[in-house]
Amino acid sequence: MPIASELERQMAGYGLTTAEILYHMPDHPHMLQSYVWQAYDVAPEFPEMYRFLDFWQRELDGPLHSVRYTHRRLIGPQEWHALKGELVLH
């Protein structure tokens, strides 16, 4: 069953991955262009990022030069707490 919402992905261990991709411009191979990509992904395997990079190498003309990435889990164990009580005002 696919994970539908962003919150469900985060609860399943996904975090936000941001990659800066430098690639050679097809018409001017000596020049580099930058592209920023973001998606929810799972560290350390990064299946979404590798799927995108495979697509890039297979379908796009600009050869990759380098990829820098960062990954941050947005919801961690210390940030998620079960509710044990409720306080109602009025």
N, C-alpha and C. Protein backbone atom coordinates (compact mmCIF):
# COMPACT_ATOMS: atom_id res chain seq x y z
N MET A 1 0.85 -1.18 0.00
CA MET A 1 0.00 0.00 0.00
C MET A 1 0.89 1.24 0.00
N PRO A 2 0.72 2.18 -0.94
CA PRO A 2 1.56 3.37 -0.99
C PRO A 2 1.27 4.30 0.19
N ILE A 3 2.32 4.98 0.61
CA ILE A 3 2.18 5.95 1.69
C ILE A 3 1.64 7.23 1.08
N ALA A 4 0.49 7.71 1.55
CA ALA A 4 -0.24 8.78 0.88
C ALA A 4 0.22 10.18 1.29
N SER A 5 0.08 10.52 2.54
CA SER A 5 0.31 11.91 2.93
C SER A 5 1.74 12.14 3.41
N GLU A 6 2.13 13.40 3.44
CA GLU A 6 3.46 13.76 3.92
C GLU A 6 3.64 13.36 5.38
N LEU A 7 2.61 13.54 6.20
CA LEU A 7 2.70 13.17 7.61
C LEU A 7 2.90 11.67 7.76
N GLU A 8 2.17 10.88 6.98
CA GLU A 8 2.35 9.42 7.03
C GLU A 8 3.76 9.02 6.63
N ARG A 9 4.30 9.69 5.63
CA ARG A 9 5.68 9.41 5.21
C ARG A 9 6.65 9.73 6.34
N GLN A 10 6.46 10.88 6.99
CA GLN A 10 7.35 11.27 8.08
C GLN A 10 7.26 10.28 9.24
N MET A 11 6.06 9.82 9.55
CA MET A 11 5.89 8.86 10.63
C MET A 11 6.53 7.51 10.27
N ALA A 12 6.64 7.22 8.98
CA ALA A 12 7.24 5.96 8.52
C ALA A 12 8.76 6.07 8.40
N GLY A 13 9.34 7.22 8.79
CA GLY A 13 10.79 7.35 8.79
C GLY A 13 11.35 8.17 7.65
N TYR A 14 10.49 8.70 6.80
CA TYR A 14 10.97 9.54 5.71
C TYR A 14 11.38 10.90 6.26
N GLY A 15 12.37 11.51 5.62
CA GLY A 15 12.78 12.86 5.96
C GLY A 15 12.94 13.65 4.68
N LEU A 16 13.14 14.95 4.81
CA LEU A 16 13.29 15.81 3.64
C LEU A 16 14.73 15.75 3.14
N THR A 17 14.90 15.35 1.90
CA THR A 17 16.21 15.30 1.26
C THR A 17 16.27 16.41 0.23
N THR A 18 17.34 17.19 0.29
CA THR A 18 17.59 18.26 -0.67
C THR A 18 18.91 17.97 -1.35
N ALA A 19 18.92 18.00 -2.66
CA ALA A 19 20.14 17.73 -3.42
C ALA A 19 20.42 18.90 -4.35
N GLU A 20 21.68 19.34 -4.36
CA GLU A 20 22.13 20.32 -5.35
C GLU A 20 22.90 19.54 -6.40
N ILE A 21 22.40 19.57 -7.61
CA ILE A 21 22.98 18.80 -8.72
C ILE A 21 23.69 19.77 -9.65
N LEU A 22 24.98 19.54 -9.85
CA LEU A 22 25.74 20.31 -10.83
C LEU A 22 25.90 19.43 -12.06
N TYR A 23 25.60 20.01 -13.23
CA TYR A 23 25.68 19.25 -14.47
C TYR A 23 26.27 20.12 -15.57
N HIS A 24 26.84 19.45 -16.56
CA HIS A 24 27.41 20.14 -17.71
C HIS A 24 26.28 20.53 -18.66
N MET A 25 26.29 21.77 -19.09
CA MET A 25 25.26 22.22 -20.04
C MET A 25 25.48 21.51 -21.38
N PRO A 26 24.43 20.98 -21.98
CA PRO A 26 24.58 20.21 -23.22
C PRO A 26 25.24 21.01 -24.36
N ASP A 27 24.87 22.27 -24.52
CA ASP A 27 25.41 23.08 -25.63
C ASP A 27 26.77 23.68 -25.30
N HIS A 28 27.12 23.75 -24.03
CA HIS A 28 28.39 24.32 -23.58
C HIS A 28 28.97 23.42 -22.49
N PRO A 29 29.58 22.31 -22.86
CA PRO A 29 30.00 21.31 -21.88
C PRO A 29 31.02 21.81 -20.86
N HIS A 30 31.70 22.90 -21.15
CA HIS A 30 32.68 23.43 -20.20
C HIS A 30 32.01 24.27 -19.10
N MET A 31 30.72 24.55 -19.24
CA MET A 31 29.99 25.33 -18.24
C MET A 31 29.11 24.40 -17.39
N LEU A 32 29.02 24.76 -16.09
CA LEU A 32 28.18 23.99 -15.18
C LEU A 32 26.91 24.76 -14.85
N GLN A 33 25.84 24.03 -14.69
CA GLN A 33 24.54 24.58 -14.30
C GLN A 33 24.14 23.89 -13.00
N SER A 34 23.37 24.58 -12.16
CA SER A 34 22.93 24.02 -10.89
C SER A 34 21.43 23.76 -10.92
N TYR A 35 21.03 22.64 -10.31
CA TYR A 35 19.62 22.28 -10.19
C TYR A 35 19.39 21.80 -8.76
N VAL A 36 18.32 22.28 -8.11
CA VAL A 36 18.00 21.87 -6.75
C VAL A 36 16.78 20.95 -6.79
N TRP A 37 16.90 19.81 -6.14
CA TRP A 37 15.84 18.80 -6.10
C TRP A 37 15.51 18.49 -4.65
N GLN A 38 14.21 18.36 -4.33
CA GLN A 38 13.76 18.01 -2.98
C GLN A 38 12.68 16.95 -3.05
N ALA A 39 12.73 16.03 -2.09
CA ALA A 39 11.70 15.00 -1.97
C ALA A 39 11.81 14.37 -0.59
N TYR A 40 10.75 13.70 -0.17
CA TYR A 40 10.81 12.90 1.05
C TYR A 40 11.49 11.59 0.69
N ASP A 41 12.48 11.21 1.51
CA ASP A 41 13.28 10.03 1.21
C ASP A 41 13.73 9.38 2.52
N VAL A 42 14.26 8.17 2.42
CA VAL A 42 14.69 7.41 3.59
C VAL A 42 16.21 7.28 3.56
N ALA A 43 16.86 7.74 4.63
CA ALA A 43 18.31 7.60 4.74
C ALA A 43 18.62 6.25 5.36
N PRO A 44 19.72 5.63 5.10
CA PRO A 44 20.81 6.04 4.20
C PRO A 44 20.69 5.48 2.79
N GLU A 45 19.60 4.80 2.47
CA GLU A 45 19.47 4.20 1.13
C GLU A 45 19.13 5.22 0.05
N PHE A 46 18.31 6.22 0.37
CA PHE A 46 17.88 7.27 -0.55
C PHE A 46 17.32 6.73 -1.87
N PRO A 47 16.29 5.88 -1.81
CA PRO A 47 15.76 5.31 -3.06
C PRO A 47 15.16 6.36 -4.00
N GLU A 48 14.50 7.38 -3.45
CA GLU A 48 13.89 8.41 -4.31
C GLU A 48 14.96 9.22 -5.03
N MET A 49 16.03 9.60 -4.34
CA MET A 49 17.09 10.39 -4.96
C MET A 49 17.80 9.57 -6.04
N TYR A 50 18.10 8.30 -5.74
CA TYR A 50 18.76 7.46 -6.74
C TYR A 50 17.86 7.20 -7.94
N ARG A 51 16.57 7.08 -7.70
CA ARG A 51 15.62 6.90 -8.81
C ARG A 51 15.64 8.14 -9.71
N PHE A 52 15.68 9.33 -9.10
CA PHE A 52 15.73 10.56 -9.88
C PHE A 52 17.05 10.68 -10.64
N LEU A 53 18.16 10.36 -9.98
CA LEU A 53 19.46 10.45 -10.65
C LEU A 53 19.58 9.44 -11.79
N ASP A 54 19.01 8.26 -11.62
CA ASP A 54 18.98 7.28 -12.71
C ASP A 54 18.18 7.81 -13.89
N PHE A 55 17.02 8.42 -13.61
CA PHE A 55 16.21 9.05 -14.65
C PHE A 55 17.01 10.13 -15.37
N TRP A 56 17.72 10.96 -14.60
CA TRP A 56 18.52 12.05 -15.18
C TRP A 56 19.54 11.48 -16.16
N GLN A 57 20.29 10.50 -15.72
CA GLN A 57 21.34 9.94 -16.57
C GLN A 57 20.78 9.23 -17.79
N ARG A 58 19.61 8.64 -17.66
CA ARG A 58 18.99 7.89 -18.75
C ARG A 58 18.29 8.80 -19.76
N GLU A 59 17.64 9.89 -19.29
CA GLU A 59 16.74 10.66 -20.16
C GLU A 59 17.20 12.08 -20.50
N LEU A 60 18.06 12.68 -19.71
CA LEU A 60 18.42 14.08 -19.93
C LEU A 60 19.80 14.20 -20.57
N ASP A 61 20.01 15.31 -21.28
CA ASP A 61 21.24 15.50 -22.04
C ASP A 61 22.42 16.01 -21.21
N GLY A 62 22.17 16.73 -20.14
CA GLY A 62 23.26 17.33 -19.36
C GLY A 62 23.94 16.30 -18.47
N PRO A 63 25.19 15.91 -18.78
CA PRO A 63 25.89 14.93 -17.93
C PRO A 63 26.12 15.47 -16.52
N LEU A 64 25.97 14.60 -15.54
CA LEU A 64 26.16 15.00 -14.14
C LEU A 64 27.64 15.29 -13.87
N HIS A 65 27.86 16.33 -13.08
CA HIS A 65 29.21 16.64 -12.60
C HIS A 65 29.35 16.20 -11.15
N SER A 66 28.40 16.64 -10.30
CA SER A 66 28.46 16.27 -8.88
C SER A 66 27.08 16.46 -8.25
N VAL A 67 26.90 15.81 -7.10
CA VAL A 67 25.65 15.92 -6.34
C VAL A 67 26.03 16.11 -4.88
N ARG A 68 25.51 17.17 -4.27
CA ARG A 68 25.63 17.40 -2.83
C ARG A 68 24.23 17.30 -2.26
N TYR A 69 24.11 16.62 -1.13
CA TYR A 69 22.77 16.47 -0.56
C TYR A 69 22.81 16.59 0.95
N THR A 70 21.64 16.90 1.50
CA THR A 70 21.44 16.93 2.94
C THR A 70 20.11 16.25 3.22
N HIS A 71 20.01 15.69 4.43
CA HIS A 71 18.79 14.96 4.78
C HIS A 71 18.44 15.29 6.22
N ARG A 72 17.17 15.53 6.49
CA ARG A 72 16.72 15.86 7.84
C ARG A 72 15.39 15.21 8.09
N ARG A 73 15.35 14.37 9.13
CA ARG A 73 14.06 13.83 9.57
C ARG A 73 13.30 14.95 10.26
N LEU A 74 12.09 15.18 9.85
CA LEU A 74 11.32 16.29 10.39
C LEU A 74 10.58 15.91 11.66
N ILE A 75 10.26 14.64 11.81
CA ILE A 75 9.62 14.16 13.03
C ILE A 75 10.49 13.04 13.57
N GLY A 76 11.01 13.24 14.76
CA GLY A 76 11.84 12.22 15.38
C GLY A 76 11.17 11.70 16.64
N PRO A 77 11.74 10.68 17.26
CA PRO A 77 11.14 10.10 18.47
C PRO A 77 10.98 11.13 19.60
N GLN A 78 11.90 12.07 19.71
CA GLN A 78 11.82 13.06 20.77
C GLN A 78 10.75 14.12 20.51
N GLU A 79 10.22 14.18 19.31
CA GLU A 79 9.24 15.21 18.96
C GLU A 79 7.81 14.67 18.92
N TRP A 80 7.62 13.38 19.00
CA TRP A 80 6.31 12.77 18.90
C TRP A 80 5.96 12.14 20.23
N HIS A 81 4.86 12.57 20.84
CA HIS A 81 4.46 12.06 22.13
C HIS A 81 2.99 11.64 22.09
N ALA A 82 2.69 10.54 22.72
CA ALA A 82 1.31 10.10 22.82
C ALA A 82 0.57 10.99 23.82
N LEU A 83 -0.66 11.29 23.53
CA LEU A 83 -1.49 12.12 24.40
C LEU A 83 -2.04 11.25 25.52
N LYS A 84 -1.80 11.67 26.78
CA LYS A 84 -2.28 10.89 27.92
C LYS A 84 -3.42 11.59 28.64
N GLY A 85 -3.68 12.81 28.31
CA GLY A 85 -4.74 13.54 28.98
C GLY A 85 -5.21 14.68 28.11
N GLU A 86 -6.25 15.35 28.58
CA GLU A 86 -6.81 16.45 27.82
C GLU A 86 -7.32 17.50 28.81
N LEU A 87 -7.03 18.73 28.52
CA LEU A 87 -7.49 19.86 29.34
C LEU A 87 -8.44 20.68 28.48
N VAL A 88 -9.68 20.82 28.92
CA VAL A 88 -10.69 21.55 28.15
C VAL A 88 -11.04 22.81 28.91
N LEU A 89 -10.93 23.95 28.24
CA LEU A 89 -11.32 25.23 28.83
C LEU A 89 -12.63 25.67 28.19
N HIS A 90 -13.56 26.08 29.00
CA HIS A 90 -14.89 26.57 28.58
C HIS A 90 -15.67 25.48 27.96
